[in-house]
Protein backbone atom coordinates (compact mmCIF):
# COMPACT_ATOMS: atom_id res chain seq x y z
CA MET A 1 -8.75 10.02 9.02
CA ASN A 2 -9.65 9.68 5.33
CA TRP A 3 -13.27 10.17 4.32
CA PHE A 4 -15.00 9.83 0.96
CA PHE A 5 -18.06 12.03 0.51
CA PHE A 6 -20.47 11.50 -2.37
CA GLY A 7 -23.53 13.60 -1.49
CA SER A 8 -24.38 16.70 0.52
CA LEU A 9 -20.98 16.68 2.27
CA MET A 10 -19.37 17.42 -1.10
CA ASP A 11 -20.69 20.95 -0.62
CA GLN A 12 -18.04 23.01 1.19
CA GLU A 13 -20.58 24.97 3.28
CA VAL A 14 -22.36 21.82 4.45
CA LEU A 15 -19.04 20.16 5.31
CA GLU A 16 -17.94 23.22 7.29
CA ILE A 17 -21.15 23.23 9.35
CA VAL A 18 -20.82 19.51 10.05
CA ALA A 19 -17.06 19.59 10.80
CA GLY A 20 -17.44 22.72 12.93
CA ARG A 21 -14.59 24.53 11.19
CA THR A 22 -13.48 26.11 7.93
CA VAL A 23 -12.58 23.47 5.34
CA LEU A 24 -10.26 24.68 2.61
CA LYS A 25 -10.85 23.74 -1.04
CA GLU A 26 -7.35 22.24 -1.05
CA GLU A 27 -8.52 19.69 1.53
CA MET A 28 -11.19 18.40 -0.86
CA ILE A 29 -9.66 16.06 -3.47
CA ILE A 30 -11.65 14.62 -6.38
CA ALA A 31 -11.69 10.82 -6.16
CA ASP A 32 -13.54 7.89 -7.72
CA LEU A 33 -15.21 4.99 -5.95
CA PRO A 34 -15.52 2.03 -8.33
CA GLY A 35 -18.28 -0.52 -7.98
CA TYR A 36 -21.06 1.86 -6.87
CA ARG A 37 -23.59 4.28 -8.26
CA ARG A 38 -25.23 7.24 -6.54
CA VAL A 39 -29.03 6.95 -6.24
CA SER A 40 -31.76 8.97 -4.60
CA VAL A 41 -33.14 8.10 -1.18
CA ALA A 42 -36.94 7.79 -1.17
CA ASN A 43 -38.69 10.94 0.12
CA GLU A 44 -35.38 12.74 0.79
CA THR A 45 -33.11 15.14 -1.08
CA TYR A 46 -29.88 13.28 -0.30
CA PRO A 47 -28.36 10.20 -1.95
CA ALA A 48 -27.15 6.74 -1.06
CA LEU A 49 -24.69 4.43 -2.76
CA GLN A 50 -25.87 1.28 -4.49
CA HIS A 51 -23.41 -1.52 -5.20
CA THR A 52 -23.15 -1.73 -9.00
CA PRO A 53 -19.96 -3.46 -10.24
CA GLU A 54 -19.76 -1.66 -13.60
CA SER A 55 -20.30 1.86 -12.21
CA THR A 56 -18.10 4.49 -10.56
CA VAL A 57 -19.04 7.39 -8.29
CA GLU A 58 -17.07 10.62 -8.37
CA GLY A 59 -16.86 12.30 -5.00
CA LEU A 60 -14.43 13.99 -2.67
CA LEU A 61 -11.64 12.59 -0.53
CA VAL A 62 -11.03 14.61 2.62
CA GLU A 63 -7.92 13.51 4.51
CA SER A 64 -7.77 16.28 7.08
CA LEU A 65 -10.61 15.57 9.52
CA ASP A 66 -9.46 14.82 13.05
CA ALA A 67 -11.20 12.44 15.49
CA THR A 68 -13.58 15.08 16.86
CA GLU A 69 -14.58 16.24 13.38
CA SER A 70 -15.03 12.62 12.29
CA LEU A 71 -17.41 12.02 15.22
CA ARG A 72 -19.41 15.05 14.09
CA VAL A 73 -19.65 13.57 10.58
CA ILE A 74 -20.82 10.23 12.01
CA TYR A 75 -23.48 12.06 14.05
CA PHE A 76 -24.61 13.98 10.95
CA GLU A 77 -24.97 10.80 8.88
CA GLY A 78 -27.00 9.11 11.60
CA GLU A 79 -28.19 5.54 11.80
CA GLU A 80 -29.18 5.29 8.14
CA TYR A 81 -25.54 4.97 7.11
CA LYS A 82 -22.58 3.00 8.41
CA PRO A 83 -18.96 4.02 7.83
CA GLU A 84 -17.08 1.33 5.94
CA GLU A 85 -13.60 1.30 4.49
CA VAL A 86 -13.42 1.51 0.68
CA GLN A 87 -10.68 1.82 -1.94
CA LEU A 88 -10.64 5.03 -3.97
CA LYS A 89 -8.94 5.84 -7.25
CA LEU A 90 -7.14 9.16 -7.63
CA LYS A 91 -5.74 10.48 -10.90
CA ASN A 92 -2.22 9.16 -11.51
CA GLN A 93 -1.86 7.82 -7.97
CA LYS A 94 -2.06 4.54 -6.11
CA PRO A 95 -5.45 3.58 -4.63
CA VAL A 96 -6.27 5.22 -1.30
CA SER A 97 -8.29 3.77 1.58
CA ALA A 98 -11.02 5.93 3.07
CA PHE A 99 -14.17 5.58 5.10
CA CYS A 100 -17.43 6.01 3.23
CA PHE A 101 -21.01 5.97 4.50
CA LEU A 102 -22.82 3.01 3.01
CA PRO A 103 -26.58 2.79 3.51
CA SER A 104 -28.18 0.46 6.02
CA PRO A 105 -30.14 -2.34 4.28
CA ASP A 106 -33.50 -0.85 5.28
CA LEU A 107 -32.84 2.61 3.76
CA PRO A 108 -35.35 2.93 0.90
CA THR A 109 -33.76 4.10 -2.34
CA ILE A 110 -35.15 4.93 -5.76
CA ASP A 111 -33.56 3.75 -8.98
CA LEU A 112 -32.89 7.36 -9.95
CA GLU A 113 -29.44 8.87 -10.38
CA TRP A 114 -28.76 11.66 -7.83
CA ASN A 115 -27.14 14.78 -9.29
CA PHE A 116 -25.00 16.99 -7.02
CA LYS A 117 -25.26 20.18 -9.12
CA GLU A 118 -29.05 19.87 -9.38
CA TRP A 119 -29.28 19.24 -5.65
CA GLN A 120 -27.26 22.42 -4.98
CA LYS A 121 -29.58 24.47 -7.21
CA GLN A 122 -32.82 23.08 -5.80
CA HIS A 123 -32.13 22.18 -2.16
CA LEU A 124 -28.89 23.67 -0.82
CA GLU A 125 -30.35 26.79 0.82
CA GLU A 126 -32.88 24.85 2.90
CA PHE A 127 -30.42 22.03 3.53
CA LEU A 128 -27.87 24.46 5.00
CA HIS A 129 -30.47 25.64 7.50
CA LEU A 130 -31.50 22.07 8.36
CA THR A 131 -27.84 21.11 8.77
CA GLU A 132 -27.25 24.01 11.19
CA GLU A 133 -30.30 22.94 13.21
CA TRP A 134 -29.24 19.28 13.20
CA MET A 135 -25.65 19.99 14.22
CA SER A 136 -26.72 22.43 16.95
CA SER A 137 -27.93 19.32 18.79
CA TYR A 138 -24.51 17.62 18.62
CA GLY A 139 -23.31 16.92 22.15
CA ASN A 140 -26.69 17.92 23.61
CA LEU A 141 -29.09 15.27 22.37
CA GLU A 142 -28.78 11.61 21.52
CA PHE A 143 -29.26 10.73 17.86
CA ALA A 144 -32.70 9.17 18.43
CA GLU A 145 -33.96 12.34 20.13
CA VAL A 146 -32.76 14.74 17.46
CA ASN A 147 -33.96 12.41 14.70
CA ALA A 148 -37.46 12.27 16.19
CA GLN A 149 -37.50 16.08 16.50
CA TRP A 150 -36.25 16.47 12.94
CA LEU A 151 -38.87 14.11 11.51
CA GLN A 152 -41.67 15.89 13.38
CA SER A 153 -40.38 19.35 12.50
CA ARG A 154 -39.96 18.39 8.86
CA GLU A 155 -43.51 17.08 8.80
CA ASP A 156 -44.74 20.30 10.40
CA GLY A 157 -42.47 22.43 8.19
CA ASP A 158 -41.04 24.18 11.26
CA TRP A 159 -37.33 24.11 10.41
CA ALA A 160 -37.90 25.31 6.89
CA LYS A 161 -39.72 28.39 8.26
CA LYS A 162 -37.13 29.44 10.86
């Protein structure tokens, strides 16, 4: 199944935790998604896509995730995002279809460009820990349960201290 990642899942370590396996650099192909821009989500460190006809988002196409790994990605993204099929542009190739997580209409965003390299510098270390905690609940808790725990723990600062 083809996936287009534009935020935290562009980081190889995050993707490996979520997929539950080693992901080789060769599996991560630079691709462009026309018609969108990457913006910040309010009160979060991760981004969302905003439909903007004149913009393009550079991200990663990953073609090698199987059904089980794809379900893990869907669990990771949660209810704030819905997978939808999009058309990507690759250098010197025909367009490629892939699934991309588009935000639900009620996800609050800020009109501020989200920068992957800055996010890695400022938030990656804590995000890796949070991702491990989140994914440790995969198969054990329903999304609503783990989301409620995550929101409470984040408010209390528990996961960041572990």
